[in-house]
Amino acid sequence: MSKLQTKMMLLVGFGAMALLPGARADEWNQKTVLTFSQPVEMPGQILPAGTYVFKLANSQSDRHIVQIFNKNENHLFGTFLAIPSYRVRPSEKPIIRFEERAPGEPQAIKAWFYPSKNYGHEFVYPKPEAVALAKANNTPVPAMPAPSATKPAVTTSGPTIVALLAIPLKTEEPTGEEVELVQASAPAIALPATLPETATSLPLIGLIGMLSLGAAATLRLSAITVK
């Protein structure tokens, strides 16, 4: 095989590699690195100022389960229940919405949005915290019974995913009334065990074939020219 033929085959090979669908894990678990300059409140706990990794847990439920890790992802701070929250215009950057708290208390994280997504994740707070947030912000807050009332299975990082999926949800109104939860409709987010392919491989195979034919034609033309 001539040097020209070798170069053309390499170009075809690199072209095929460039066209292979990429595996973007962040698109599935929505991994987001966030840094807070001050302590922030999450359902049932306070996160000190620092850098955290937010991820969606692998759950087949239509409930959104969010896990928060430290920067190195070797320590789990908590597993939190959330419901879909809608934005008309998605942002190119991660968005965190806060709920106001009393002066001197950490702001409470209301919702987290992954870049380019209309639907984010609004956190569900235990009833006592939800009641306080609803009154302080004059807005409804999704709530679940306090841990002492439900006694869910817990770990050192809070309720397990199984326990969160079984918890009944309500909405705490600013008036103090508790009503049935009405949430935005969003597709269930289920994380596969392995990253799925973004599309069938048939178009890719066809395109690689076209590249090969083009390379072969070029090689033939080059051979004729050399003669």
Protein backbone atom coordinates (compact mmCIF):
# COMPACT_ATOMS: atom_id res chain seq x y z
CA MET A 1 0.00 0.00 0.00
CA SER A 2 1.40 3.42 -0.99
CA LYS A 3 1.86 6.32 1.43
CA LEU A 4 -1.04 8.14 -0.24
CA GLN A 5 -3.31 5.13 0.23
CA THR A 6 -2.28 4.84 3.88
CA LYS A 7 -3.05 8.52 4.53
CA MET A 8 -6.46 8.24 2.88
CA MET A 9 -7.40 5.18 4.96
CA LEU A 10 -6.35 6.99 8.14
CA LEU A 11 -8.51 9.97 7.20
CA VAL A 12 -11.50 7.70 6.69
CA GLY A 13 -10.87 6.05 10.07
CA PHE A 14 -10.58 9.37 11.93
CA GLY A 15 -13.70 10.65 10.17
CA ALA A 16 -15.67 7.61 11.34
CA MET A 17 -14.45 8.07 14.94
CA ALA A 18 -15.51 11.72 14.90
CA LEU A 19 -19.02 10.72 13.82
CA LEU A 20 -19.57 8.13 16.55
CA PRO A 21 -22.23 9.27 19.07
CA GLY A 22 -20.60 10.61 22.23
CA ALA A 23 -21.59 9.39 25.70
CA ARG A 24 -22.58 12.43 27.76
CA ALA A 25 -23.24 11.17 31.26
CA ASP A 26 -24.02 14.68 32.54
CA GLU A 27 -27.07 14.87 30.28
CA TRP A 28 -28.57 11.87 32.08
CA ASN A 29 -27.76 12.48 35.71
CA GLN A 30 -27.58 16.27 35.20
CA LYS A 31 -24.38 16.46 37.23
CA THR A 32 -23.84 20.07 38.29
CA VAL A 33 -21.01 21.54 40.37
CA LEU A 34 -22.20 24.43 42.53
CA THR A 35 -20.29 26.65 44.94
CA PHE A 36 -22.06 28.56 47.73
CA SER A 37 -20.31 31.44 49.46
CA GLN A 38 -22.68 31.18 52.43
CA PRO A 39 -24.54 28.34 54.16
CA VAL A 40 -27.74 27.26 52.42
CA GLU A 41 -30.73 25.30 53.65
CA MET A 42 -31.84 22.01 52.13
CA PRO A 43 -34.79 19.94 53.34
CA GLY A 44 -33.90 18.81 56.84
CA GLN A 45 -30.35 20.17 56.96
CA ILE A 46 -27.99 23.10 56.43
CA LEU A 47 -25.12 22.87 53.93
CA PRO A 48 -22.06 24.93 54.96
CA ALA A 49 -20.48 27.26 52.42
CA GLY A 50 -18.48 25.25 49.92
CA THR A 51 -18.55 23.33 46.62
CA TYR A 52 -21.08 20.56 46.02
CA VAL A 53 -22.08 18.18 43.24
CA PHE A 54 -25.79 17.85 42.48
CA LYS A 55 -26.94 14.71 40.64
CA LEU A 56 -30.15 12.88 39.82
CA ALA A 57 -30.31 9.44 41.36
CA ASN A 58 -31.21 6.43 39.23
CA SER A 59 -34.92 6.07 39.84
CA GLN A 60 -37.67 4.62 37.64
CA SER A 61 -40.28 6.74 39.44
CA ASP A 62 -41.80 9.94 38.12
CA ARG A 63 -40.54 11.57 41.29
CA HIS A 64 -37.25 13.38 41.00
CA ILE A 65 -34.60 12.17 43.45
CA VAL A 66 -31.62 14.49 43.89
CA GLN A 67 -28.39 13.51 45.61
CA ILE A 68 -25.81 16.01 46.83
CA PHE A 69 -22.14 15.06 47.17
CA ASN A 70 -18.98 16.86 48.20
CA LYS A 71 -16.61 18.21 45.54
CA ASN A 72 -14.74 14.90 45.22
CA GLU A 73 -17.98 12.88 45.15
CA ASN A 74 -16.76 10.56 47.91
CA HIS A 75 -19.23 11.76 50.54
CA LEU A 76 -23.02 11.91 50.19
CA PHE A 77 -24.61 14.79 52.12
CA GLY A 78 -28.18 13.81 51.40
CA THR A 79 -30.83 12.30 49.16
CA PHE A 80 -33.72 14.67 48.52
CA LEU A 81 -37.18 14.41 47.02
CA ALA A 82 -38.18 16.96 44.37
CA ILE A 83 -41.05 17.62 41.97
CA PRO A 84 -40.92 19.09 38.44
CA SER A 85 -40.57 22.87 38.23
CA TYR A 86 -41.08 24.68 34.92
CA ARG A 87 -39.21 27.61 33.35
CA VAL A 88 -40.46 29.27 30.17
CA ARG A 89 -36.93 30.07 29.02
CA PRO A 90 -34.15 27.58 29.78
CA SER A 91 -30.80 29.02 30.79
CA GLU A 92 -27.37 28.22 29.36
CA LYS A 93 -26.05 28.01 32.94
CA PRO A 94 -27.25 26.15 36.04
CA ILE A 95 -29.93 28.02 37.96
CA ILE A 96 -30.65 27.87 41.70
CA ARG A 97 -33.82 29.47 43.03
CA PHE A 98 -33.90 30.45 46.68
CA GLU A 99 -36.64 30.97 49.25
CA GLU A 100 -36.24 33.85 51.65
CA ARG A 101 -35.76 33.04 55.32
CA ALA A 102 -35.83 35.12 58.48
CA PRO A 103 -32.92 37.58 58.86
CA GLY A 104 -29.76 35.79 59.94
CA GLU A 105 -30.91 32.38 58.71
CA PRO A 106 -29.51 30.64 55.59
CA GLN A 107 -31.52 31.00 52.41
CA ALA A 108 -33.42 27.86 51.48
CA ILE A 109 -32.89 26.28 48.06
CA LYS A 110 -36.24 26.15 46.31
CA ALA A 111 -35.28 24.60 42.95
CA TRP A 112 -32.36 23.55 40.77
CA PHE A 113 -32.32 23.78 36.96
CA TYR A 114 -29.84 22.05 34.68
CA PRO A 115 -28.64 24.11 31.68
CA SER A 116 -30.88 24.11 28.58
CA LYS A 117 -33.74 22.38 30.46
CA ASN A 118 -37.25 23.81 30.83
CA TYR A 119 -38.00 21.46 33.71
CA GLY A 120 -36.01 21.63 36.90
CA HIS A 121 -36.36 20.12 40.36
CA GLU A 122 -38.29 21.85 43.15
CA PHE A 123 -37.35 20.44 46.55
CA VAL A 124 -39.96 19.05 48.92
CA TYR A 125 -39.50 20.23 52.50
CA PRO A 126 -40.67 18.58 55.74
CA LYS A 127 -43.97 20.10 56.86
CA PRO A 128 -42.63 22.43 59.63
CA GLU A 129 -40.04 23.93 57.26
CA ALA A 130 -42.55 24.11 54.40
CA VAL A 131 -45.07 25.98 56.57
CA ALA A 132 -42.43 28.55 57.58
CA LEU A 133 -41.24 29.00 53.98
CA ALA A 134 -44.77 29.39 52.66
CA LYS A 135 -45.56 32.15 55.17
CA ALA A 136 -42.21 33.92 54.73
CA ASN A 137 -42.43 33.97 50.92
CA ASN A 138 -46.22 34.12 50.52
CA THR A 139 -46.11 31.22 48.09
CA PRO A 140 -47.16 27.54 48.18
CA VAL A 141 -44.43 25.09 49.14
CA PRO A 142 -44.48 21.33 48.44
CA ALA A 143 -44.29 19.40 51.68
CA MET A 144 -43.98 15.93 53.13
CA PRO A 145 -44.70 14.75 56.67
CA ALA A 146 -41.97 15.37 59.21
CA PRO A 147 -39.63 12.37 59.65
CA SER A 148 -41.02 11.67 63.12
CA ALA A 149 -44.48 11.25 61.60
CA THR A 150 -43.52 8.91 58.77
CA LYS A 151 -40.52 7.14 60.34
CA PRO A 152 -39.00 6.31 56.91
CA ALA A 153 -35.97 4.08 56.50
CA VAL A 154 -32.99 6.36 56.94
CA THR A 155 -29.25 6.27 56.50
CA THR A 156 -26.58 8.65 57.69
CA SER A 157 -27.47 10.72 54.62
CA GLY A 158 -31.21 10.88 55.23
CA PRO A 159 -34.16 8.83 53.92
CA THR A 160 -33.45 6.11 51.38
CA ILE A 161 -34.72 6.40 47.81
CA VAL A 162 -37.31 3.69 48.47
CA ALA A 163 -38.61 5.60 51.50
CA LEU A 164 -38.83 8.87 49.56
CA LEU A 165 -40.85 7.25 46.80
CA ALA A 166 -43.50 6.14 49.31
CA ILE A 167 -43.95 9.47 51.14
CA PRO A 168 -47.33 11.21 50.58
CA LEU A 169 -46.99 14.81 49.38
CA LYS A 170 -49.04 17.90 50.13
CA THR A 171 -48.81 21.65 49.49
CA GLU A 172 -48.54 24.13 52.34
CA GLU A 173 -50.32 27.39 51.52
CA PRO A 174 -49.27 30.80 52.92
CA THR A 175 -52.61 30.87 54.76
CA GLY A 176 -51.62 27.77 56.71
CA GLU A 177 -54.01 25.55 54.76
CA GLU A 178 -52.75 22.16 53.56
CA VAL A 179 -54.02 21.00 50.16
CA GLU A 180 -53.37 18.22 47.67
CA LEU A 181 -50.18 18.68 45.69
CA VAL A 182 -50.69 19.79 42.09
CA GLN A 183 -47.41 19.63 40.20
CA ALA A 184 -46.25 20.48 36.72
CA SER A 185 -46.36 17.60 34.28
CA ALA A 186 -42.89 16.52 33.25
CA PRO A 187 -41.54 13.34 31.71
CA ALA A 188 -40.13 10.84 34.17
CA ILE A 189 -36.35 10.96 34.47
CA ALA A 190 -34.99 7.43 34.58
CA LEU A 191 -31.27 6.87 34.45
CA PRO A 192 -30.26 3.76 32.49
CA ALA A 193 -27.69 1.31 33.81
CA THR A 194 -25.67 2.02 30.67
CA LEU A 195 -25.75 5.15 28.59
CA PRO A 196 -28.04 4.63 25.58
CA GLU A 197 -27.02 5.39 22.06
CA THR A 198 -28.40 8.71 20.85
CA ALA A 199 -29.64 7.19 17.57
CA THR A 200 -29.57 4.08 15.43
CA SER A 201 -26.21 3.21 13.92
CA LEU A 202 -27.62 2.63 10.39
CA PRO A 203 -27.15 6.24 9.18
CA LEU A 204 -23.65 6.19 10.65
CA ILE A 205 -22.79 2.96 8.83
CA GLY A 206 -24.12 4.43 5.59
CA LEU A 207 -22.09 7.60 6.05
CA ILE A 208 -18.93 5.61 6.78
CA GLY A 209 -19.60 3.62 3.60
CA MET A 210 -19.89 6.84 1.60
CA LEU A 211 -16.61 8.06 3.08
CA SER A 212 -14.95 4.78 2.12
CA LEU A 213 -16.27 5.00 -1.45
CA GLY A 214 -15.04 8.58 -1.70
CA ALA A 215 -11.62 7.55 -0.43
CA ALA A 216 -11.47 4.66 -2.88
CA ALA A 217 -12.38 6.94 -5.80
CA THR A 218 -9.69 9.39 -4.73
CA LEU A 219 -7.13 6.59 -4.51
CA ARG A 220 -8.07 5.37 -7.97
CA LEU A 221 -7.79 8.85 -9.43
CA SER A 222 -4.44 9.30 -7.73
CA ALA A 223 -3.21 6.01 -9.20
CA ILE A 224 -4.26 7.08 -12.67
CA THR A 225 -2.54 10.41 -12.24
CA VAL A 226 0.68 8.71 -11.10
CA LYS A 227 0.71 6.54 -14.22
